[in-house]
């Protein structure tokens, strides 16, 4: 659970397959933090991802949260792999804030509607023999893959604007996550985000633009497979299997000798018992 130091009672979590993702601290020598426009340092952590699982970002407040005037809304914006997903907001006077983003709205062939698709983790794969231009493009893509960015802001003075849909650059198939091997050099990239093939048709709603906004926090969730988290030294390496025991108990020796004797031919057994 990511806690915002500047404000009491404000938290952000990522849920994977409906369960709250465990957050792991970023190693001190991790040198792949993206550049941020804000002067405020982002709050960063690692989480474990798995292919085919859907995920969501949730922001919530409790009674301890207080916003300075004139701000009367809390907003949540989410980007995945550098692509904007969606924004959401809530009026603070409505009580504890509960904001959730788990889908991306895209334009629909049905006028006045959007296609709402789930966010899913999909495997990243490497390909050899790419051209220089492809490698250059994939280097830019790889620099942002594996990151969920959540931005929280206080807002005031909202006016309605038309919704044109978003998320056009988030792929619907993991074939788009095939990158040149050279572009991923030095990076433990295992998953990227795709959109589900299934979707819900929703009526397009108007968005709200605010005249005043104050950024509260930027949070970066770096998602990797369990094996990649171990390679990044986020998780300890797998324990080595215990060495095979070389000691044999006296009872085991007797049992083994008895079984060996019982396997001997009957005529030899007679001689053994007679001695």
C-alpha atoms as a PDB file:
ATOM      1  CA  UNK A   1       0.000   0.000   0.000  1.00  0.00           C
ATOM      2  CA  UNK A   2       1.627   3.234  -1.181  1.00  0.00           C
ATOM      3  CA  UNK A   3       1.141   5.959   1.433  1.00  0.00           C
ATOM      4  CA  UNK A   4       1.425   9.627   0.457  1.00  0.00           C
ATOM      5  CA  UNK A   5       3.677  11.317   3.065  1.00  0.00           C
ATOM      6  CA  UNK A   6       2.316  14.821   2.454  1.00  0.00           C
ATOM      7  CA  UNK A   7      -1.287  13.866   3.243  1.00  0.00           C
ATOM      8  CA  UNK A   8      -2.664  11.645   5.964  1.00  0.00           C
ATOM      9  CA  UNK A   9      -5.339   9.157   5.004  1.00  0.00           C
ATOM     10  CA  UNK A  10      -4.479   8.898   1.292  1.00  0.00           C
ATOM     11  CA  UNK A  11      -3.304   5.624  -0.255  1.00  0.00           C
ATOM     12  CA  UNK A  12      -2.845   4.060  -3.686  1.00  0.00           C
ATOM     13  CA  UNK A  13      -2.680   0.346  -4.493  1.00  0.00           C
ATOM     14  CA  UNK A  14      -2.451  -1.887  -7.545  1.00  0.00           C
ATOM     15  CA  UNK A  15      -4.728  -4.904  -7.639  1.00  0.00           C
ATOM     16  CA  UNK A  16      -3.857  -7.935  -9.757  1.00  0.00           C
ATOM     17  CA  UNK A  17      -6.590 -10.438 -10.470  1.00  0.00           C
ATOM     18  CA  UNK A  18      -8.607  -8.790  -7.699  1.00  0.00           C
ATOM     19  CA  UNK A  19      -5.873  -9.111  -5.050  1.00  0.00           C
ATOM     20  CA  UNK A  20      -3.743  -6.298  -3.646  1.00  0.00           C
ATOM     21  CA  UNK A  21      -0.233  -6.534  -5.090  1.00  0.00           C
ATOM     22  CA  UNK A  22       2.621  -6.857  -2.621  1.00  0.00           C
ATOM     23  CA  UNK A  23       4.959  -3.871  -2.929  1.00  0.00           C
ATOM     24  CA  UNK A  24       8.733  -4.315  -2.766  1.00  0.00           C
ATOM     25  CA  UNK A  25      11.235  -1.474  -2.241  1.00  0.00           C
ATOM     26  CA  UNK A  26      13.417  -0.408  -5.144  1.00  0.00           C
ATOM     27  CA  UNK A  27      17.108  -1.404  -4.734  1.00  0.00           C
ATOM     28  CA  UNK A  28      19.483   1.500  -4.189  1.00  0.00           C
ATOM     29  CA  UNK A  29      21.472   0.667  -7.325  1.00  0.00           C
ATOM     30  CA  UNK A  30      18.405   0.584  -9.609  1.00  0.00           C
ATOM     31  CA  UNK A  31      19.276   3.069 -12.363  1.00  0.00           C
ATOM     32  CA  UNK A  32      16.262   2.863 -14.671  1.00  0.00           C
ATOM     33  CA  UNK A  33      14.000   5.468 -13.081  1.00  0.00           C
ATOM     34  CA  UNK A  34      12.236   7.488 -15.800  1.00  0.00           C
ATOM     35  CA  UNK A  35      12.630  11.239 -15.914  1.00  0.00           C
ATOM     36  CA  UNK A  36       9.748  13.123 -14.315  1.00  0.00           C
ATOM     37  CA  UNK A  37       8.667  16.674 -15.117  1.00  0.00           C
ATOM     38  CA  UNK A  38       7.663  17.400 -11.530  1.00  0.00           C
ATOM     39  CA  UNK A  39      10.223  18.529  -8.967  1.00  0.00           C
ATOM     40  CA  UNK A  40       8.672  16.102  -6.489  1.00  0.00           C
ATOM     41  CA  UNK A  41      10.364  12.739  -6.310  1.00  0.00           C
ATOM     42  CA  UNK A  42       8.039   9.904  -7.368  1.00  0.00           C
ATOM     43  CA  UNK A  43       7.115   7.176  -4.911  1.00  0.00           C
ATOM     44  CA  UNK A  44       8.472   3.941  -6.406  1.00  0.00           C
ATOM     45  CA  UNK A  45       8.124   0.226  -5.765  1.00  0.00           C
ATOM     46  CA  UNK A  46       8.208  -3.133  -7.542  1.00  0.00           C
ATOM     47  CA  UNK A  47       5.262  -5.519  -7.878  1.00  0.00           C
ATOM     48  CA  UNK A  48       5.013  -9.041  -9.286  1.00  0.00           C
ATOM     49  CA  UNK A  49       3.178  -9.558 -12.583  1.00  0.00           C
ATOM     50  CA  UNK A  50       1.935 -12.686 -14.337  1.00  0.00           C
ATOM     51  CA  UNK A  51       0.794 -13.238 -17.911  1.00  0.00           C
ATOM     52  CA  UNK A  52      -2.930 -13.105 -18.592  1.00  0.00           C
ATOM     53  CA  UNK A  53      -3.957 -11.442 -15.329  1.00  0.00           C
ATOM     54  CA  UNK A  54      -5.941  -8.212 -15.311  1.00  0.00           C
ATOM     55  CA  UNK A  55      -4.933  -5.329 -13.077  1.00  0.00           C
ATOM     56  CA  UNK A  56      -6.290  -2.070 -11.709  1.00  0.00           C
ATOM     57  CA  UNK A  57      -5.150   1.039  -9.834  1.00  0.00           C
ATOM     58  CA  UNK A  58      -7.142   2.247  -6.820  1.00  0.00           C
ATOM     59  CA  UNK A  59      -6.856   5.456  -4.801  1.00  0.00           C
ATOM     60  CA  UNK A  60      -8.742   5.937  -1.544  1.00  0.00           C
ATOM     61  CA  UNK A  61      -8.990   8.265   1.433  1.00  0.00           C
ATOM     62  CA  UNK A  62     -10.222   7.960   4.995  1.00  0.00           C
ATOM     63  CA  UNK A  63     -11.438  10.485   7.553  1.00  0.00           C
ATOM     64  CA  UNK A  64      -7.886  11.691   8.233  1.00  0.00           C
ATOM     65  CA  UNK A  65      -7.556  13.162   4.736  1.00  0.00           C
ATOM     66  CA  UNK A  66      -8.006  16.938   4.537  1.00  0.00           C
ATOM     67  CA  UNK A  67      -7.634  19.020   1.378  1.00  0.00           C
ATOM     68  CA  UNK A  68      -6.647  22.682   1.597  1.00  0.00           C
ATOM     69  CA  UNK A  69      -9.116  25.201   0.128  1.00  0.00           C
ATOM     70  CA  UNK A  70     -10.239  25.889  -2.512  1.00  0.00           C
ATOM     71  CA  UNK A  71      -9.672  22.324  -3.764  1.00  0.00           C
ATOM     72  CA  UNK A  72     -12.806  20.207  -3.701  1.00  0.00           C
ATOM     73  CA  UNK A  73     -11.926  17.233  -5.948  1.00  0.00           C
ATOM     74  CA  UNK A  74      -9.315  14.478  -5.984  1.00  0.00           C
ATOM     75  CA  UNK A  75      -8.231  13.204  -9.392  1.00  0.00           C
ATOM     76  CA  UNK A  76      -6.429  10.023 -10.454  1.00  0.00           C
ATOM     77  CA  UNK A  77      -4.653   9.719 -13.798  1.00  0.00           C
ATOM     78  CA  UNK A  78      -3.036   6.459 -14.912  1.00  0.00           C
ATOM     79  CA  UNK A  79      -0.433   5.702 -17.568  1.00  0.00           C
ATOM     80  CA  UNK A  80       0.806   2.227 -18.473  1.00  0.00           C
ATOM     81  CA  UNK A  81       4.049   1.709 -20.390  1.00  0.00           C
ATOM     82  CA  UNK A  82       4.039   5.426 -21.166  1.00  0.00           C
ATOM     83  CA  UNK A  83       0.511   5.387 -22.630  1.00  0.00           C
ATOM     84  CA  UNK A  84      -2.314   7.316 -21.002  1.00  0.00           C
ATOM     85  CA  UNK A  85      -5.122   5.008 -19.897  1.00  0.00           C
ATOM     86  CA  UNK A  86      -7.810   7.059 -18.210  1.00  0.00           C
ATOM     87  CA  UNK A  87      -8.549   9.703 -15.618  1.00  0.00           C
ATOM     88  CA  UNK A  88     -11.102   9.677 -12.823  1.00  0.00           C
ATOM     89  CA  UNK A  89     -12.165  12.096 -10.113  1.00  0.00           C
ATOM     90  CA  UNK A  90     -14.466  12.448  -7.115  1.00  0.00           C
ATOM     91  CA  UNK A  91     -15.958  15.351  -5.216  1.00  0.00           C
ATOM     92  CA  UNK A  92     -14.466  15.355  -1.723  1.00  0.00           C
ATOM     93  CA  UNK A  93     -17.742  16.356  -0.085  1.00  0.00           C
ATOM     94  CA  UNK A  94     -19.237  13.017  -1.169  1.00  0.00           C
ATOM     95  CA  UNK A  95     -17.286  11.240   1.569  1.00  0.00           C
ATOM     96  CA  UNK A  96     -14.263   8.911   1.470  1.00  0.00           C
ATOM     97  CA  UNK A  97     -12.734   8.849  -2.002  1.00  0.00           C
ATOM     98  CA  UNK A  98     -12.737   5.552  -3.882  1.00  0.00           C
ATOM     99  CA  UNK A  99     -11.261   5.892  -7.359  1.00  0.00           C
ATOM    100  CA  UNK A 100     -10.547   2.886  -9.564  1.00  0.00           C
ATOM    101  CA  UNK A 101      -9.083   2.579 -13.047  1.00  0.00           C
ATOM    102  CA  UNK A 102      -9.048  -0.903 -14.545  1.00  0.00           C
ATOM    103  CA  UNK A 103     -10.137  -0.264 -18.112  1.00  0.00           C
ATOM    104  CA  UNK A 104      -9.261   1.818 -21.115  1.00  0.00           C
ATOM    105  CA  UNK A 105     -11.938   3.496 -23.225  1.00  0.00           C
ATOM    106  CA  UNK A 106     -11.451   3.444 -26.980  1.00  0.00           C
ATOM    107  CA  UNK A 107     -13.567   4.877 -29.748  1.00  0.00           C
ATOM    108  CA  UNK A 108     -16.361   2.646 -30.993  1.00  0.00           C
ATOM    109  CA  UNK A 109     -17.962   2.217 -34.392  1.00  0.00           C
ATOM    110  CA  UNK A 110     -21.258   2.923 -32.613  1.00  0.00           C
ATOM    111  CA  UNK A 111     -21.845   6.694 -32.532  1.00  0.00           C
ATOM    112  CA  UNK A 112     -21.864   8.178 -29.048  1.00  0.00           C
ATOM    113  CA  UNK A 113     -20.294   5.066 -27.481  1.00  0.00           C
ATOM    114  CA  UNK A 114     -16.867   3.804 -26.430  1.00  0.00           C
ATOM    115  CA  UNK A 115     -15.372   0.331 -26.103  1.00  0.00           C
ATOM    116  CA  UNK A 116     -14.202  -0.256 -22.527  1.00  0.00           C
ATOM    117  CA  UNK A 117     -11.436  -2.892 -22.406  1.00  0.00           C
ATOM    118  CA  UNK A 118      -9.662  -4.468 -19.413  1.00  0.00           C
ATOM    119  CA  UNK A 119      -5.958  -3.926 -18.719  1.00  0.00           C
ATOM    120  CA  UNK A 120      -3.967  -7.170 -18.879  1.00  0.00           C
ATOM    121  CA  UNK A 121      -0.351  -8.229 -18.332  1.00  0.00           C
ATOM    122  CA  UNK A 122       1.142  -9.957 -21.395  1.00  0.00           C
ATOM    123  CA  UNK A 123       4.562 -11.484 -22.011  1.00  0.00           C
ATOM    124  CA  UNK A 124       7.349  -9.527 -23.687  1.00  0.00           C
ATOM    125  CA  UNK A 125       9.455 -11.489 -26.159  1.00  0.00           C
ATOM    126  CA  UNK A 126      12.686 -10.684 -27.974  1.00  0.00           C
ATOM    127  CA  UNK A 127      13.416 -11.085 -31.683  1.00  0.00           C
ATOM    128  CA  UNK A 128      16.779 -11.231 -33.442  1.00  0.00           C
ATOM    129  CA  UNK A 129      17.807  -9.702 -36.740  1.00  0.00           C
ATOM    130  CA  UNK A 130      15.994  -6.378 -36.341  1.00  0.00           C
ATOM    131  CA  UNK A 131      16.964  -3.386 -38.464  1.00  0.00           C
ATOM    132  CA  UNK A 132      18.681  -0.370 -36.913  1.00  0.00           C
ATOM    133  CA  UNK A 133      15.528   1.734 -37.232  1.00  0.00           C
ATOM    134  CA  UNK A 134      13.497  -0.982 -35.495  1.00  0.00           C
ATOM    135  CA  UNK A 135      16.070  -1.224 -32.716  1.00  0.00           C
ATOM    136  CA  UNK A 136      15.993   2.559 -32.223  1.00  0.00           C
ATOM    137  CA  UNK A 137      12.203   2.516 -32.019  1.00  0.00           C
ATOM    138  CA  UNK A 138      12.162  -0.462 -29.654  1.00  0.00           C
ATOM    139  CA  UNK A 139      14.719   1.182 -27.355  1.00  0.00           C
ATOM    140  CA  UNK A 140      12.230   4.001 -26.795  1.00  0.00           C
ATOM    141  CA  UNK A 141       9.396   1.519 -26.248  1.00  0.00           C
ATOM    142  CA  UNK A 142      11.456  -0.654 -23.878  1.00  0.00           C
ATOM    143  CA  UNK A 143      12.392   2.362 -21.752  1.00  0.00           C
ATOM    144  CA  UNK A 144       8.745   2.696 -20.690  1.00  0.00           C
ATOM    145  CA  UNK A 145       7.511  -0.903 -20.664  1.00  0.00           C
ATOM    146  CA  UNK A 146       6.919  -2.482 -17.275  1.00  0.00           C
ATOM    147  CA  UNK A 147       5.769   0.697 -15.520  1.00  0.00           C
ATOM    148  CA  UNK A 148       2.395   1.729 -14.127  1.00  0.00           C
ATOM    149  CA  UNK A 149       2.281   5.439 -13.365  1.00  0.00           C
ATOM    150  CA  UNK A 150      -0.411   6.910 -11.121  1.00  0.00           C
ATOM    151  CA  UNK A 151      -0.747  10.645 -10.631  1.00  0.00           C
ATOM    152  CA  UNK A 152      -2.867  12.150  -7.856  1.00  0.00           C
ATOM    153  CA  UNK A 153      -3.962  15.779  -7.879  1.00  0.00           C
ATOM    154  CA  UNK A 154      -6.258  18.094  -5.983  1.00  0.00           C
ATOM    155  CA  UNK A 155      -8.553  20.030  -8.300  1.00  0.00           C
ATOM    156  CA  UNK A 156     -11.016  22.899  -8.403  1.00  0.00           C
ATOM    157  CA  UNK A 157     -13.249  24.650 -10.940  1.00  0.00           C
ATOM    158  CA  UNK A 158     -14.368  21.816 -13.201  1.00  0.00           C
ATOM    159  CA  UNK A 159     -16.041  22.292 -16.587  1.00  0.00           C
ATOM    160  CA  UNK A 160     -17.348  19.528 -18.839  1.00  0.00           C
ATOM    161  CA  UNK A 161     -15.560  18.683 -22.088  1.00  0.00           C
ATOM    162  CA  UNK A 162     -16.228  16.047 -24.732  1.00  0.00           C
ATOM    163  CA  UNK A 163     -14.737  12.551 -24.323  1.00  0.00           C
ATOM    164  CA  UNK A 164     -12.781  11.423 -27.370  1.00  0.00           C
ATOM    165  CA  UNK A 165     -11.552   8.131 -25.922  1.00  0.00           C
ATOM    166  CA  UNK A 166      -7.925   7.289 -25.155  1.00  0.00           C
ATOM    167  CA  UNK A 167      -5.339   4.553 -25.014  1.00  0.00           C
ATOM    168  CA  UNK A 168      -4.893   4.162 -28.753  1.00  0.00           C
ATOM    169  CA  UNK A 169      -1.287   3.093 -28.330  1.00  0.00           C
ATOM    170  CA  UNK A 170      -1.979   0.259 -25.895  1.00  0.00           C
ATOM    171  CA  UNK A 171      -1.932  -2.934 -27.984  1.00  0.00           C
ATOM    172  CA  UNK A 172      -4.703  -5.525 -28.018  1.00  0.00           C
ATOM    173  CA  UNK A 173      -2.311  -8.406 -28.702  1.00  0.00           C
ATOM    174  CA  UNK A 174       1.021  -9.472 -27.194  1.00  0.00           C
ATOM    175  CA  UNK A 175       2.481  -9.659 -30.722  1.00  0.00           C
ATOM    176  CA  UNK A 176       2.994  -5.908 -30.294  1.00  0.00           C
ATOM    177  CA  UNK A 177       5.261  -6.722 -27.336  1.00  0.00           C
ATOM    178  CA  UNK A 178       7.865  -8.412 -29.530  1.00  0.00           C
ATOM    179  CA  UNK A 179      10.932  -6.200 -29.252  1.00  0.00           C
ATOM    180  CA  UNK A 180      14.408  -6.348 -30.715  1.00  0.00           C
ATOM    181  CA  UNK A 181      16.716  -8.233 -28.357  1.00  0.00           C
ATOM    182  CA  UNK A 182      19.268  -5.421 -28.501  1.00  0.00           C
ATOM    183  CA  UNK A 183      16.673  -2.900 -27.323  1.00  0.00           C
ATOM    184  CA  UNK A 184      16.196  -4.789 -24.054  1.00  0.00           C
ATOM    185  CA  UNK A 185      19.886  -5.148 -23.224  1.00  0.00           C
ATOM    186  CA  UNK A 186      20.454  -4.671 -19.502  1.00  0.00           C
ATOM    187  CA  UNK A 187      16.745  -4.584 -18.696  1.00  0.00           C
ATOM    188  CA  UNK A 188      14.771  -7.403 -17.067  1.00  0.00           C
ATOM    189  CA  UNK A 189      11.561  -6.863 -19.033  1.00  0.00           C
ATOM    190  CA  UNK A 190       9.087  -9.723 -18.815  1.00  0.00           C
ATOM    191  CA  UNK A 191       5.648  -8.165 -19.236  1.00  0.00           C
ATOM    192  CA  UNK A 192       3.888  -5.287 -20.889  1.00  0.00           C
ATOM    193  CA  UNK A 193       0.274  -4.152 -20.876  1.00  0.00           C
ATOM    194  CA  UNK A 194      -2.314  -5.059 -23.477  1.00  0.00           C
ATOM    195  CA  UNK A 195      -6.058  -4.550 -23.738  1.00  0.00           C
ATOM    196  CA  UNK A 196      -8.533  -7.405 -23.522  1.00  0.00           C
ATOM    197  CA  UNK A 197     -10.156  -8.674 -26.698  1.00  0.00           C
ATOM    198  CA  UNK A 198     -13.504  -8.617 -24.908  1.00  0.00           C
ATOM    199  CA  UNK A 199     -15.047  -5.229 -24.161  1.00  0.00           C
ATOM    200  CA  UNK A 200     -18.133  -3.457 -22.892  1.00  0.00           C
ATOM    201  CA  UNK A 201     -20.004  -0.894 -24.921  1.00  0.00           C
ATOM    202  CA  UNK A 202     -20.630   2.220 -22.841  1.00  0.00           C
ATOM    203  CA  UNK A 203     -22.252   5.516 -23.591  1.00  0.00           C
ATOM    204  CA  UNK A 204     -19.582   8.150 -24.011  1.00  0.00           C
ATOM    205  CA  UNK A 205     -19.634  10.550 -21.071  1.00  0.00           C
ATOM    206  CA  UNK A 206     -18.319  14.068 -20.901  1.00  0.00           C
ATOM    207  CA  UNK A 207     -14.982  14.591 -19.223  1.00  0.00           C
ATOM    208  CA  UNK A 208     -14.191  17.386 -16.810  1.00  0.00           C
ATOM    209  CA  UNK A 209     -11.343  19.870 -17.154  1.00  0.00           C
ATOM    210  CA  UNK A 210     -10.284  21.733 -14.010  1.00  0.00           C
ATOM    211  CA  UNK A 211      -9.126  25.337 -13.897  1.00  0.00           C
ATOM    212  CA  UNK A 212      -6.856  24.747 -10.888  1.00  0.00           C
ATOM    213  CA  UNK A 213      -4.867  21.619 -10.100  1.00  0.00           C
ATOM    214  CA  UNK A 214      -2.197  20.809  -7.543  1.00  0.00           C
ATOM    215  CA  UNK A 215      -0.241  17.613  -7.970  1.00  0.00           C
ATOM    216  CA  UNK A 216      -0.168  15.618  -4.755  1.00  0.00           C
ATOM    217  CA  UNK A 217       2.033  12.691  -5.754  1.00  0.00           C
ATOM    218  CA  UNK A 218       3.356  10.593  -8.610  1.00  0.00           C
ATOM    219  CA  UNK A 219       3.646   6.862  -8.003  1.00  0.00           C
ATOM    220  CA  UNK A 220       5.583   4.394 -10.152  1.00  0.00           C
ATOM    221  CA  UNK A 221       4.871   0.674  -9.910  1.00  0.00           C
ATOM    222  CA  UNK A 222       7.514  -1.358 -11.772  1.00  0.00           C
ATOM    223  CA  UNK A 223       6.022  -4.734 -12.659  1.00  0.00           C
ATOM    224  CA  UNK A 224       8.123  -7.829 -13.379  1.00  0.00           C
ATOM    225  CA  UNK A 225       7.820 -11.619 -13.185  1.00  0.00           C
ATOM    226  CA  UNK A 226       9.025 -13.354 -10.025  1.00  0.00           C
ATOM    227  CA  UNK A 227      12.187 -14.588 -11.752  1.00  0.00           C
ATOM    228  CA  UNK A 228      12.963 -11.077 -12.999  1.00  0.00           C
ATOM    229  CA  UNK A 229      12.435  -9.651  -9.511  1.00  0.00           C
ATOM    230  CA  UNK A 230      15.095 -12.073  -8.294  1.00  0.00           C
ATOM    231  CA  UNK A 231      17.491 -11.016 -11.049  1.00  0.00           C
ATOM    232  CA  UNK A 232      16.890  -7.365 -10.150  1.00  0.00           C
ATOM    233  CA  UNK A 233      17.767  -8.309  -6.536  1.00  0.00           C
ATOM    234  CA  UNK A 234      14.315  -7.134  -5.452  1.00  0.00           C
ATOM    235  CA  UNK A 235      13.589 -10.616  -4.127  1.00  0.00           C
ATOM    236  CA  UNK A 236      16.212 -12.946  -2.650  1.00  0.00           C
ATOM    237  CA  UNK A 237      17.433 -15.700  -4.985  1.00  0.00           C
ATOM    238  CA  UNK A 238      15.729 -19.063  -4.874  1.00  0.00           C
ATOM    239  CA  UNK A 239      17.109 -21.185  -2.027  1.00  0.00           C
ATOM    240  CA  UNK A 240      19.404 -23.994  -3.123  1.00  0.00           C
ATOM    241  CA  UNK A 241      18.057 -27.503  -2.548  1.00  0.00           C
ATOM    242  CA  UNK A 242      19.493 -29.137   0.586  1.00  0.00           C
ATOM    243  CA  UNK A 243      22.366 -31.584  -0.064  1.00  0.00           C
ATOM    244  CA  UNK A 244      21.456 -35.246  -0.121  1.00  0.00           C
ATOM    245  CA  UNK A 245      22.042 -36.922   3.237  1.00  0.00           C
ATOM    246  CA  UNK A 246      24.974 -39.346   3.284  1.00  0.00           C
ATOM    247  CA  UNK A 247      24.358 -40.689   6.783  1.00  0.00           C
ATOM    248  CA  UNK A 248      22.425 -43.890   7.143  1.00  0.00           C
ATOM    249  CA  UNK A 249      20.807 -44.847  10.406  1.00  0.00           C
ATOM    250  CA  UNK A 250      21.578 -48.198  11.960  1.00  0.00           C
ATOM    251  CA  UNK A 251      17.964 -49.253  11.463  1.00  0.00           C
ATOM    252  CA  UNK A 252      18.245 -48.403   7.759  1.00  0.00           C
ATOM    253  CA  UNK A 253      21.368 -50.573   7.514  1.00  0.00           C
ATOM    254  CA  UNK A 254      19.563 -53.508   9.118  1.00  0.00           C
ATOM    255  CA  UNK A 255      16.567 -53.047   6.838  1.00  0.00           C
ATOM    256  CA  UNK A 256      18.789 -52.834   3.781  1.00  0.00           C
ATOM    257  CA  UNK A 257      20.735 -56.001   4.819  1.00  0.00           C
ATOM    258  CA  UNK A 258      17.463 -57.835   5.411  1.00  0.00           C
ATOM    259  CA  UNK A 259      16.115 -56.864   2.002  1.00  0.00           C
ATOM    260  CA  UNK A 260      19.358 -57.941   0.335  1.00  0.00           C
ATOM    261  CA  UNK A 261      19.232 -61.303   2.050  1.00  0.00           C
ATOM    262  CA  UNK A 262      15.599 -61.854   1.082  1.00  0.00           C
ATOM    263  CA  UNK A 263      16.497 -61.341  -2.577  1.00  0.00           C
ATOM    264  CA  UNK A 264      19.041 -64.181  -2.570  1.00  0.00           C
ATOM    265  CA  UNK A 265      18.200 -67.558  -4.165  1.00  0.00           C
ATOM    266  CA  UNK A 266      16.495 -70.067  -1.827  1.00  0.00           C
ATOM    267  CA  UNK A 267      19.420 -72.501  -1.882  1.00  0.00           C
ATOM    268  CA  UNK A 268      21.883 -69.803  -0.781  1.00  0.00           C
ATOM    269  CA  UNK A 269      19.486 -68.664   1.953  1.00  0.00           C
ATOM    270  CA  UNK A 270      19.531 -72.183   3.342  1.00  0.00           C
ATOM    271  CA  UNK A 271      23.326 -72.061   3.611  1.00  0.00           C
ATOM    272  CA  UNK A 272      23.207 -68.631   5.335  1.00  0.00           C
ATOM    273  CA  UNK A 273      20.710 -69.740   7.963  1.00  0.00           C
ATOM    274  CA  UNK A 274      22.671 -72.939   8.622  1.00  0.00           C
ATOM    275  CA  UNK A 275      25.924 -71.063   9.370  1.00  0.00           C
END
